[in-house]
Amino acid sequence: MRFVIIGAGRVGLRTARVLRDEGHAVTLVERDRDNAERARDLGFDVVEGDGSRESVLFNAGIEGADGLGALTSDLNVNFAACSIAKHHRTWTVLRVDEDYREEVYREYADEVDEVVYPERLGAIGAKNALLGGSVRAIADVAQHIQVVLMTVTEDSPMLGYTIEEVALPASARVLAFGKADNPMGLPLSDDSLEVGDRLAVIADFDVLEEVRQLIVGETLAPEGGTA
C-alpha cells in the first residue's frame, strides 16, 4: 500500500519507519529543511513544502495514495491536509494535540476517517489508524515479538470453533478474548469464535501472517483503501 505522511518530526518519522518495515511505500511531506534532510538520510522520499497546500500534496502523490496521515504538531495543517485528501477519496488520519479533541473530530468531521492522539499510543497507534482493517498492533514486546488485536470476520476458517480448537503456531498464544462489544478477559478453552469477537495474541513476527489467516481470514484492507 502507498501512504503520504504529513510531518517528518518524531511521530511522523517513526510511523513512516514502522510502515516501511512492513513493506508499505511511504512519501513524507515536511516544510522544515533539517527534518526533511534527516528523513532523506534514512532513505525516504520527501517532498518539501506545506502539507496544507493542495499543490504540495499533488507532488507527494495524493491522487494515488491509499491513505494520508496528517501527523504534524499543527492541528490546522493536519485538518487542511485531511480535507484535501478526502476530496481525492483518500483514507485520512488526523493527529490531534489534546485527547479531548478525539471525540469531537471523530463525531463531527466528515473529512477525517480516524483520529489519533500519539502521546497515548505513539507510532503504533498512528500506523493502526492508517492501515485500518481487522488487525491492530498493540505493542512491540521484543525485537521480533508483537501483541496484536485481531477481530474475527466472516472469512475466518476458525468461525464457530472454540479457542481450544484453534491450532496456533507454537510461537503464538492467545492472551485475552472478548465477545463483540464486551470487555476482554482471560480466554477460556470453550469460548467459541463468532463474527466480531476479538483476540489479543502474542506472536513472533514470522508467524503473524499465519495467525491472521486463521483468525481473520484472507480479507485485510482499510475501508478507505485497497490492499
C-alpha atoms as a PDB file:
ATOM      1  CA  MET A   1       0.000   0.000   0.000  1.00  0.00           C
ATOM      2  CA  ARG A   2       1.045   3.635  -0.539  1.00  0.00           C
ATOM      3  CA  PHE A   3       0.860   6.327   2.120  1.00  0.00           C
ATOM      4  CA  VAL A   4       1.530  10.045   2.319  1.00  0.00           C
ATOM      5  CA  ILE A   5       2.539  11.288   5.756  1.00  0.00           C
ATOM      6  CA  ILE A   6       2.494  14.984   6.592  1.00  0.00           C
ATOM      7  CA  GLY A   7       5.269  15.781   9.047  1.00  0.00           C
ATOM      8  CA  ALA A   8       8.703  14.209   9.386  1.00  0.00           C
ATOM      9  CA  GLY A   9       9.026  15.025  13.058  1.00  0.00           C
ATOM     10  CA  ARG A  10       9.078  12.494  15.876  1.00  0.00           C
ATOM     11  CA  VAL A  11       5.613  10.998  15.284  1.00  0.00           C
ATOM     12  CA  GLY A  12       5.571  11.166  11.501  1.00  0.00           C
ATOM     13  CA  LEU A  13       9.033   9.726  11.000  1.00  0.00           C
ATOM     14  CA  ARG A  14       8.543   6.874  13.455  1.00  0.00           C
ATOM     15  CA  THR A  15       5.209   5.996  11.854  1.00  0.00           C
ATOM     16  CA  ALA A  16       6.819   6.061   8.402  1.00  0.00           C
ATOM     17  CA  ARG A  17       9.547   3.692   9.574  1.00  0.00           C
ATOM     18  CA  VAL A  18       7.012   1.239  11.029  1.00  0.00           C
ATOM     19  CA  LEU A  19       5.027   1.251   7.780  1.00  0.00           C
ATOM     20  CA  ARG A  20       8.140   0.842   5.617  1.00  0.00           C
ATOM     21  CA  ASP A  21       9.381  -2.029   7.765  1.00  0.00           C
ATOM     22  CA  GLU A  22       6.107  -3.812   6.982  1.00  0.00           C
ATOM     23  CA  GLY A  23       6.599  -3.379   3.239  1.00  0.00           C
ATOM     24  CA  HIS A  24       4.470  -0.296   2.527  1.00  0.00           C
ATOM     25  CA  ALA A  25       5.545   2.646   0.336  1.00  0.00           C
ATOM     26  CA  VAL A  26       5.728   5.997   2.158  1.00  0.00           C
ATOM     27  CA  THR A  27       6.215   9.580   0.969  1.00  0.00           C
ATOM     28  CA  LEU A  28       6.827  12.237   3.619  1.00  0.00           C
ATOM     29  CA  VAL A  29       5.847  15.906   3.355  1.00  0.00           C
ATOM     30  CA  GLU A  30       7.909  18.252   5.522  1.00  0.00           C
ATOM     31  CA  ARG A  31       8.425  22.039   5.487  1.00  0.00           C
ATOM     32  CA  ASP A  32      11.383  22.080   7.890  1.00  0.00           C
ATOM     33  CA  ARG A  33      14.581  21.575   5.893  1.00  0.00           C
ATOM     34  CA  ASP A  34      16.513  19.861   8.688  1.00  0.00           C
ATOM     35  CA  ASN A  35      13.712  17.350   9.283  1.00  0.00           C
ATOM     36  CA  ALA A  36      13.413  16.761   5.537  1.00  0.00           C
ATOM     37  CA  GLU A  37      17.131  16.057   5.199  1.00  0.00           C
ATOM     38  CA  ARG A  38      17.107  13.696   8.143  1.00  0.00           C
ATOM     39  CA  ALA A  39      14.254  11.730   6.553  1.00  0.00           C
ATOM     40  CA  ARG A  40      16.101  11.588   3.224  1.00  0.00           C
ATOM     41  CA  ASP A  41      19.202  10.310   5.002  1.00  0.00           C
ATOM     42  CA  LEU A  42      17.035   7.441   6.249  1.00  0.00           C
ATOM     43  CA  GLY A  43      16.066   6.601   2.687  1.00  0.00           C
ATOM     44  CA  PHE A  44      12.584   8.151   2.491  1.00  0.00           C
ATOM     45  CA  ASP A  45      11.072  10.036  -0.432  1.00  0.00           C
ATOM     46  CA  VAL A  46      10.442  13.565   0.863  1.00  0.00           C
ATOM     47  CA  VAL A  47       8.508  16.468  -0.649  1.00  0.00           C
ATOM     48  CA  GLU A  48       9.479  19.752   0.966  1.00  0.00           C
ATOM     49  CA  GLY A  49       6.589  22.130   1.497  1.00  0.00           C
ATOM     50  CA  ASP A  50       3.424  22.956   3.428  1.00  0.00           C
ATOM     51  CA  GLY A  51       1.223  19.882   3.714  1.00  0.00           C
ATOM     52  CA  SER A  52      -1.903  22.030   3.920  1.00  0.00           C
ATOM     53  CA  ARG A  53      -1.439  23.081   0.259  1.00  0.00           C
ATOM     54  CA  GLU A  54      -3.024  21.029  -2.483  1.00  0.00           C
ATOM     55  CA  SER A  55      -0.125  21.564  -4.911  1.00  0.00           C
ATOM     56  CA  VAL A  56       2.301  20.069  -2.376  1.00  0.00           C
ATOM     57  CA  LEU A  57       0.049  17.060  -1.806  1.00  0.00           C
ATOM     58  CA  PHE A  58      -0.187  16.553  -5.569  1.00  0.00           C
ATOM     59  CA  ASN A  59       3.607  16.450  -5.716  1.00  0.00           C
ATOM     60  CA  ALA A  60       3.560  13.829  -2.971  1.00  0.00           C
ATOM     61  CA  GLY A  61       1.173  11.647  -4.991  1.00  0.00           C
ATOM     62  CA  ILE A  62      -2.030  12.077  -3.013  1.00  0.00           C
ATOM     63  CA  GLU A  63      -4.153  11.065  -6.018  1.00  0.00           C
ATOM     64  CA  GLY A  64      -2.743   7.533  -5.966  1.00  0.00           C
ATOM     65  CA  ALA A  65      -2.298   7.107  -2.211  1.00  0.00           C
ATOM     66  CA  ASP A  66      -4.222   4.575  -0.147  1.00  0.00           C
ATOM     67  CA  GLY A  67      -4.053   6.770   2.935  1.00  0.00           C
ATOM     68  CA  LEU A  68      -2.848  10.107   4.294  1.00  0.00           C
ATOM     69  CA  GLY A  69      -1.551  10.570   7.813  1.00  0.00           C
ATOM     70  CA  ALA A  70      -1.615  14.209   8.908  1.00  0.00           C
ATOM     71  CA  LEU A  71       0.796  13.855  11.814  1.00  0.00           C
ATOM     72  CA  THR A  72       2.329  17.295  12.395  1.00  0.00           C
ATOM     73  CA  SER A  73       2.016  19.141  15.704  1.00  0.00           C
ATOM     74  CA  ASP A  74      -0.108  21.821  13.948  1.00  0.00           C
ATOM     75  CA  LEU A  75      -3.784  20.865  14.086  1.00  0.00           C
ATOM     76  CA  ASN A  76      -4.749  23.426  11.433  1.00  0.00           C
ATOM     77  CA  VAL A  77      -2.266  21.963   8.933  1.00  0.00           C
ATOM     78  CA  ASN A  78      -3.426  18.455   9.748  1.00  0.00           C
ATOM     79  CA  PHE A  79      -7.101  19.218   9.246  1.00  0.00           C
ATOM     80  CA  ALA A  80      -6.489  21.079   5.983  1.00  0.00           C
ATOM     81  CA  ALA A  81      -4.444  18.151   4.649  1.00  0.00           C
ATOM     82  CA  CYS A  82      -7.210  15.697   5.566  1.00  0.00           C
ATOM     83  CA  SER A  83      -9.829  17.892   3.881  1.00  0.00           C
ATOM     84  CA  ILE A  84      -7.828  17.944   0.636  1.00  0.00           C
ATOM     85  CA  ALA A  85      -7.096  14.215   0.782  1.00  0.00           C
ATOM     86  CA  LYS A  86     -10.735  13.331   1.396  1.00  0.00           C
ATOM     87  CA  HIS A  87     -11.656  15.313  -1.727  1.00  0.00           C
ATOM     88  CA  HIS A  88      -9.476  12.800  -3.570  1.00  0.00           C
ATOM     89  CA  ARG A  89     -11.197   9.892  -1.780  1.00  0.00           C
ATOM     90  CA  THR A  90      -8.161   9.015   0.284  1.00  0.00           C
ATOM     91  CA  TRP A  91      -8.313   7.379   3.743  1.00  0.00           C
ATOM     92  CA  THR A  92      -7.429  10.118   6.259  1.00  0.00           C
ATOM     93  CA  VAL A  93      -5.870  10.051   9.716  1.00  0.00           C
ATOM     94  CA  LEU A  94      -5.753  13.226  11.812  1.00  0.00           C
ATOM     95  CA  ARG A  95      -3.348  13.831  14.679  1.00  0.00           C
ATOM     96  CA  VAL A  96      -4.841  15.930  17.492  1.00  0.00           C
ATOM     97  CA  ASP A  97      -2.932  17.830  20.142  1.00  0.00           C
ATOM     98  CA  GLU A  98      -5.314  17.221  23.061  1.00  0.00           C
ATOM     99  CA  ASP A  99      -7.043  13.964  23.926  1.00  0.00           C
ATOM    100  CA  TYR A 100     -10.443  15.622  24.418  1.00  0.00           C
ATOM    101  CA  ARG A 101     -10.464  16.589  20.726  1.00  0.00           C
ATOM    102  CA  GLU A 102     -10.588  12.954  19.643  1.00  0.00           C
ATOM    103  CA  GLU A 103     -14.316  12.511  20.104  1.00  0.00           C
ATOM    104  CA  VAL A 104     -15.119  15.928  18.627  1.00  0.00           C
ATOM    105  CA  TYR A 105     -13.352  15.252  15.336  1.00  0.00           C
ATOM    106  CA  ARG A 106     -14.432  11.633  15.263  1.00  0.00           C
ATOM    107  CA  GLU A 107     -18.068  12.649  15.632  1.00  0.00           C
ATOM    108  CA  TYR A 108     -18.320  15.807  13.559  1.00  0.00           C
ATOM    109  CA  ALA A 109     -15.506  15.908  10.976  1.00  0.00           C
ATOM    110  CA  ASP A 110     -16.572  14.069   7.835  1.00  0.00           C
ATOM    111  CA  GLU A 111     -13.149  14.787   6.318  1.00  0.00           C
ATOM    112  CA  VAL A 112     -11.478  12.576   8.928  1.00  0.00           C
ATOM    113  CA  ASP A 113     -11.684   8.763   8.956  1.00  0.00           C
ATOM    114  CA  GLU A 114      -9.512   8.157  12.033  1.00  0.00           C
ATOM    115  CA  VAL A 115      -8.265  10.388  14.872  1.00  0.00           C
ATOM    116  CA  VAL A 116      -5.085   9.680  16.826  1.00  0.00           C
ATOM    117  CA  TYR A 117      -3.537  11.217  19.909  1.00  0.00           C
ATOM    118  CA  PRO A 118       0.038   9.910  19.577  1.00  0.00           C
ATOM    119  CA  GLU A 119       1.041  10.898  23.098  1.00  0.00           C
ATOM    120  CA  ARG A 120      -1.068   7.916  24.180  1.00  0.00           C
ATOM    121  CA  LEU A 121      -0.190   5.245  21.618  1.00  0.00           C
ATOM    122  CA  GLY A 122       2.744   6.641  19.644  1.00  0.00           C
ATOM    123  CA  ALA A 123       3.676   5.398  16.190  1.00  0.00           C
ATOM    124  CA  ILE A 124       1.876   2.073  16.579  1.00  0.00           C
ATOM    125  CA  GLY A 125      -1.440   3.876  17.094  1.00  0.00           C
ATOM    126  CA  ALA A 126      -0.874   6.067  14.037  1.00  0.00           C
ATOM    127  CA  LYS A 127       0.092   3.061  11.925  1.00  0.00           C
ATOM    128  CA  ASN A 128      -3.008   1.169  13.016  1.00  0.00           C
ATOM    129  CA  ALA A 129      -5.229   4.086  12.071  1.00  0.00           C
ATOM    130  CA  LEU A 130      -3.662   4.241   8.601  1.00  0.00           C
ATOM    131  CA  LEU A 131      -3.973   0.526   7.928  1.00  0.00           C
ATOM    132  CA  GLY A 132      -7.466   0.039   9.353  1.00  0.00           C
ATOM    133  CA  GLY A 133      -8.941  -3.422   8.896  1.00  0.00           C
ATOM    134  CA  SER A 134      -9.339  -6.241  11.432  1.00  0.00           C
ATOM    135  CA  VAL A 135      -5.766  -6.457  12.737  1.00  0.00           C
ATOM    136  CA  ARG A 136      -4.233  -3.918  15.109  1.00  0.00           C
ATOM    137  CA  ALA A 137      -0.832  -3.990  16.760  1.00  0.00           C
ATOM    138  CA  ILE A 138      -0.979  -3.207  20.475  1.00  0.00           C
ATOM    139  CA  ALA A 139       2.683  -3.283  21.456  1.00  0.00           C
ATOM    140  CA  ASP A 140       6.122  -4.447  20.398  1.00  0.00           C
ATOM    141  CA  VAL A 141       7.255  -6.753  23.211  1.00  0.00           C
ATOM    142  CA  ALA A 142      10.690  -7.550  21.803  1.00  0.00           C
ATOM    143  CA  GLN A 143      12.549  -7.176  18.539  1.00  0.00           C
ATOM    144  CA  HIS A 144      10.587  -9.965  16.838  1.00  0.00           C
ATOM    145  CA  ILE A 145       7.544 -10.317  19.089  1.00  0.00           C
ATOM    146  CA  GLN A 146       4.338  -8.293  18.930  1.00  0.00           C
ATOM    147  CA  VAL A 147       0.992  -8.242  20.722  1.00  0.00           C
ATOM    148  CA  VAL A 148      -1.792  -7.932  18.152  1.00  0.00           C
ATOM    149  CA  LEU A 149      -5.548  -7.449  18.481  1.00  0.00           C
ATOM    150  CA  MET A 150      -7.452  -9.450  15.858  1.00  0.00           C
ATOM    151  CA  THR A 151     -11.157  -9.352  15.063  1.00  0.00           C
ATOM    152  CA  VAL A 152     -12.935 -12.468  13.796  1.00  0.00           C
ATOM    153  CA  THR A 153     -14.596 -11.928  10.398  1.00  0.00           C
ATOM    154  CA  GLU A 154     -16.918 -13.970   8.216  1.00  0.00           C
ATOM    155  CA  ASP A 155     -13.825 -15.095   6.309  1.00  0.00           C
ATOM    156  CA  SER A 156     -12.243 -16.755   9.332  1.00  0.00           C
ATOM    157  CA  PRO A 157     -11.677 -20.503   8.829  1.00  0.00           C
ATOM    158  CA  MET A 158     -11.995 -20.853  12.616  1.00  0.00           C
ATOM    159  CA  LEU A 159     -15.514 -19.375  12.759  1.00  0.00           C
ATOM    160  CA  GLY A 160     -17.567 -21.479  15.190  1.00  0.00           C
ATOM    161  CA  TYR A 161     -14.511 -23.229  16.630  1.00  0.00           C
ATOM    162  CA  THR A 162     -13.544 -22.933  20.286  1.00  0.00           C
ATOM    163  CA  ILE A 163     -10.286 -21.311  21.366  1.00  0.00           C
ATOM    164  CA  GLU A 164      -9.026 -24.746  22.375  1.00  0.00           C
ATOM    165  CA  GLU A 165      -9.604 -25.968  18.800  1.00  0.00           C
ATOM    166  CA  VAL A 166      -7.671 -23.088  17.169  1.00  0.00           C
ATOM    167  CA  ALA A 167      -4.294 -24.589  16.314  1.00  0.00           C
ATOM    168  CA  LEU A 168      -1.994 -21.566  16.557  1.00  0.00           C
ATOM    169  CA  PRO A 169       1.705 -21.860  15.688  1.00  0.00           C
ATOM    170  CA  ALA A 170       3.974 -22.789  18.582  1.00  0.00           C
ATOM    171  CA  SER A 171       5.320 -19.221  18.841  1.00  0.00           C
ATOM    172  CA  ALA A 172       1.851 -17.671  19.229  1.00  0.00           C
ATOM    173  CA  ARG A 173      -0.558 -17.611  22.154  1.00  0.00           C
ATOM    174  CA  VAL A 174      -3.949 -16.057  22.942  1.00  0.00           C
ATOM    175  CA  LEU A 175      -3.637 -13.613  25.846  1.00  0.00           C
ATOM    176  CA  ALA A 176      -7.196 -12.287  26.054  1.00  0.00           C
ATOM    177  CA  PHE A 177     -10.614 -12.817  24.468  1.00  0.00           C
ATOM    178  CA  GLY A 178     -13.717 -10.685  24.201  1.00  0.00           C
ATOM    179  CA  LYS A 179     -17.109 -11.177  22.608  1.00  0.00           C
ATOM    180  CA  ALA A 180     -18.199  -8.408  20.255  1.00  0.00           C
ATOM    181  CA  ASP A 181     -18.826  -5.130  22.168  1.00  0.00           C
ATOM    182  CA  ASN A 182     -17.949  -6.747  25.514  1.00  0.00           C
ATOM    183  CA  PRO A 183     -14.811  -6.208  27.643  1.00  0.00           C
ATOM    184  CA  MET A 184     -11.910  -8.561  27.091  1.00  0.00           C
ATOM    185  CA  GLY A 185     -10.850 -11.062  29.709  1.00  0.00           C
ATOM    186  CA  LEU A 186      -8.891 -14.266  30.137  1.00  0.00           C
ATOM    187  CA  PRO A 187      -9.581 -16.752  27.320  1.00  0.00           C
ATOM    188  CA  LEU A 188     -11.497 -19.888  28.225  1.00  0.00           C
ATOM    189  CA  SER A 189     -10.941 -23.104  26.305  1.00  0.00           C
ATOM    190  CA  ASP A 190     -14.646 -23.433  25.423  1.00  0.00           C
ATOM    191  CA  ASP A 191     -15.109 -19.830  24.202  1.00  0.00           C
ATOM    192  CA  SER A 192     -16.381 -20.066  20.617  1.00  0.00           C
ATOM    193  CA  LEU A 193     -15.308 -17.685  17.870  1.00  0.00           C
ATOM    194  CA  GLU A 194     -18.066 -15.609  16.290  1.00  0.00           C
ATOM    195  CA  VAL A 195     -18.009 -12.631  13.931  1.00  0.00           C
ATOM    196  CA  GLY A 196     -16.879  -9.514  15.792  1.00  0.00           C
ATOM    197  CA  ASP A 197     -15.120 -11.357  18.627  1.00  0.00           C
ATOM    198  CA  ARG A 198     -11.644 -10.070  19.490  1.00  0.00           C
ATOM    199  CA  LEU A 199      -8.490 -11.947  20.443  1.00  0.00           C
ATOM    200  CA  ALA A 200      -5.280 -10.441  21.776  1.00  0.00           C
ATOM    201  CA  VAL A 201      -2.451 -12.640  20.522  1.00  0.00           C
ATOM    202  CA  ILE A 202       1.266 -12.534  21.294  1.00  0.00           C
ATOM    203  CA  ALA A 203       3.287 -13.900  18.404  1.00  0.00           C
ATOM    204  CA  ASP A 204       6.628 -13.885  16.665  1.00  0.00           C
ATOM    205  CA  PHE A 205       6.671 -11.682  13.541  1.00  0.00           C
ATOM    206  CA  ASP A 206       7.403 -14.751  11.418  1.00  0.00           C
ATOM    207  CA  VAL A 207       4.028 -16.344  12.196  1.00  0.00           C
ATOM    208  CA  LEU A 208       1.790 -13.252  12.375  1.00  0.00           C
ATOM    209  CA  GLU A 209       0.519 -13.784   8.830  1.00  0.00           C
ATOM    210  CA  GLU A 210      -0.346 -17.410   9.596  1.00  0.00           C
ATOM    211  CA  VAL A 211      -2.199 -16.341  12.748  1.00  0.00           C
ATOM    212  CA  ARG A 212      -4.064 -13.647  10.820  1.00  0.00           C
ATOM    213  CA  GLN A 213      -5.241 -16.130   8.203  1.00  0.00           C
ATOM    214  CA  LEU A 214      -6.545 -18.427  10.930  1.00  0.00           C
ATOM    215  CA  ILE A 215      -8.434 -15.813  12.953  1.00  0.00           C
ATOM    216  CA  VAL A 216      -9.308 -13.080  10.461  1.00  0.00           C
ATOM    217  CA  GLY A 217      -9.250 -14.857   7.122  1.00  0.00           C
ATOM    218  CA  GLU A 218      -7.945 -13.589   3.800  1.00  0.00           C
ATOM    219  CA  THR A 219      -9.566 -10.131   3.765  1.00  0.00           C
ATOM    220  CA  LEU A 220      -7.390  -7.302   5.102  1.00  0.00           C
ATOM    221  CA  ALA A 221      -7.874  -3.761   3.779  1.00  0.00           C
ATOM    222  CA  PRO A 222      -8.892  -0.412   5.283  1.00  0.00           C
ATOM    223  CA  GLU A 223     -12.396   0.774   4.485  1.00  0.00           C
ATOM    224  CA  GLY A 224     -10.937   3.739   2.665  1.00  0.00           C
ATOM    225  CA  GLY A 225      -8.183   1.955   0.726  1.00  0.00           C
ATOM    226  CA  THR A 226      -7.256  -1.141  -1.170  1.00  0.00           C
ATOM    227  CA  ALA A 227      -4.919  -3.980  -0.364  1.00  0.00           C
END
